[in-house]
């Protein structure tokens, strides 16, 4: 890995990601009943390869807002990666029912058994 990539670019990205993580945590403290900061923080954790933390945050987001289509879609994607197709399909269908069909389409296209 080059000096520029490792020492400059990755360092800057890590700092930027950490700043966004802190913003979402502060939002959660201000509005603990708002599903959106949990969803946004989960997306940041997914990018940072913290899948367990992301899963917990997404589950909290849909607990707070059962009609949160994007959170259900993200949960379906996480469950696909965990090879839990029943859970993936459940959340994909919930996302689809709220107007977000992309995960159902992906699962169908790739022949994932229901």
Protein backbone atom coordinates (compact mmCIF):
# COMPACT_ATOMS: atom_id res chain seq x y z
CA UNK A 1 0.00 0.00 0.00
CA UNK A 2 1.41 3.39 -0.91
CA UNK A 3 2.32 6.04 1.61
CA UNK A 4 -0.35 8.39 0.24
CA UNK A 5 -3.09 5.82 0.51
CA UNK A 6 -2.21 4.49 3.94
CA UNK A 7 -0.90 7.58 5.69
CA UNK A 8 -2.94 10.33 4.07
CA UNK A 9 -6.11 9.08 2.41
CA UNK A 10 -7.09 6.32 4.86
CA UNK A 11 -6.21 8.52 7.83
CA UNK A 12 -8.42 11.33 6.49
CA UNK A 13 -11.28 8.93 5.77
CA UNK A 14 -11.02 7.40 9.24
CA UNK A 15 -11.13 10.86 10.85
CA UNK A 16 -14.10 11.87 8.69
CA UNK A 17 -15.97 8.65 9.50
CA UNK A 18 -15.26 9.07 13.22
CA UNK A 19 -16.59 12.63 13.10
CA UNK A 20 -19.81 11.41 11.48
CA UNK A 21 -20.11 8.62 14.05
CA UNK A 22 -19.84 11.17 16.86
CA UNK A 23 -22.52 13.34 15.19
CA UNK A 24 -24.93 10.41 15.04
CA UNK A 25 -24.23 9.44 18.66
CA UNK A 26 -24.94 13.00 19.75
CA UNK A 27 -28.20 12.97 17.75
CA UNK A 28 -29.23 9.73 19.50
CA UNK A 29 -28.57 11.36 22.88
CA UNK A 30 -30.71 14.37 21.89
CA UNK A 31 -33.51 12.31 20.31
CA UNK A 32 -33.40 8.72 21.57
CA UNK A 33 -36.83 7.93 20.10
CA UNK A 34 -35.83 9.01 16.56
CA UNK A 35 -35.00 6.02 14.33
CA UNK A 36 -32.95 7.98 11.80
CA UNK A 37 -29.70 8.47 13.75
CA UNK A 38 -29.66 4.75 14.61
CA UNK A 39 -29.99 3.96 10.90
CA UNK A 40 -27.29 6.44 9.89
CA UNK A 41 -24.91 5.21 12.59
CA UNK A 42 -25.53 1.64 11.46
CA UNK A 43 -24.55 2.57 7.90
CA UNK A 44 -21.30 4.08 9.18
CA UNK A 45 -20.60 0.93 11.18
CA UNK A 46 -21.30 -1.23 8.13
CA UNK A 47 -18.68 0.73 6.19
CA UNK A 48 -16.28 0.28 9.12
CA UNK A 49 -16.87 -3.51 9.09
CA UNK A 50 -18.61 -3.46 12.49
CA UNK A 51 -21.49 -5.68 11.43
CA UNK A 52 -22.65 -6.71 14.92
CA UNK A 53 -22.98 -3.09 16.02
CA UNK A 54 -24.75 -2.22 12.77
CA UNK A 55 -27.21 -5.07 13.24
CA UNK A 56 -28.15 -3.90 16.73
CA UNK A 57 -28.63 -0.31 15.59
CA UNK A 58 -30.78 -1.35 12.64
CA UNK A 59 -32.94 -3.52 14.87
CA UNK A 60 -33.41 -0.53 17.18
CA UNK A 61 -34.31 1.68 14.20
CA UNK A 62 -37.10 -0.65 13.07
CA UNK A 63 -38.28 -1.11 16.66
CA UNK A 64 -38.66 2.66 16.90
CA UNK A 65 -40.18 2.98 13.41
CA UNK A 66 -41.59 -0.30 12.06
CA UNK A 67 -42.34 1.40 8.71
CA UNK A 68 -38.72 2.50 8.12
CA UNK A 69 -38.20 0.88 4.71
CA UNK A 70 -34.50 1.70 4.32
CA UNK A 71 -33.70 0.22 7.73
CA UNK A 72 -35.56 -2.98 6.84
CA UNK A 73 -33.69 -3.14 3.52
CA UNK A 74 -30.36 -2.70 5.29
CA UNK A 75 -31.31 -5.40 7.80
CA UNK A 76 -32.09 -7.73 4.92
CA UNK A 77 -28.64 -7.07 3.45
CA UNK A 78 -26.96 -7.73 6.79
CA UNK A 79 -28.87 -10.98 7.19
CA UNK A 80 -27.87 -12.07 3.67
CA UNK A 81 -24.23 -11.63 4.67
CA UNK A 82 -24.91 -13.69 7.80
CA UNK A 83 -26.49 -16.40 5.64
CA UNK A 84 -29.81 -16.03 7.47
CA UNK A 85 -32.15 -16.07 4.48
CA UNK A 86 -35.41 -16.36 6.45
CA UNK A 87 -34.57 -13.13 8.32
CA UNK A 88 -33.35 -11.51 5.10
CA UNK A 89 -36.61 -12.32 3.34
CA UNK A 90 -38.69 -11.12 6.30
CA UNK A 91 -37.03 -7.70 6.30
CA UNK A 92 -36.90 -7.52 2.50
CA UNK A 93 -40.67 -8.03 2.39
CA UNK A 94 -41.23 -5.42 5.12
CA UNK A 95 -39.10 -2.96 3.13
CA UNK A 96 -41.02 -3.78 -0.04
CA UNK A 97 -44.34 -3.22 1.71
CA UNK A 98 -43.12 0.29 2.58
CA UNK A 99 -42.05 1.05 -1.01
CA UNK A 100 -38.43 -0.20 -1.09
CA UNK A 101 -38.34 -3.30 -3.35
CA UNK A 102 -34.58 -3.49 -4.08
CA UNK A 103 -33.70 -6.32 -1.69
CA UNK A 104 -36.66 -8.50 -2.74
CA UNK A 105 -35.57 -7.93 -6.34
CA UNK A 106 -31.96 -8.83 -5.50
CA UNK A 107 -32.94 -11.98 -3.59
CA UNK A 108 -35.25 -13.06 -6.39
CA UNK A 109 -32.68 -12.31 -9.10
CA UNK A 110 -30.07 -14.42 -7.30
CA UNK A 111 -32.46 -17.28 -6.64
CA UNK A 112 -32.30 -17.06 -2.84
CA UNK A 113 -34.78 -19.56 -1.44
CA UNK A 114 -37.53 -18.16 0.72
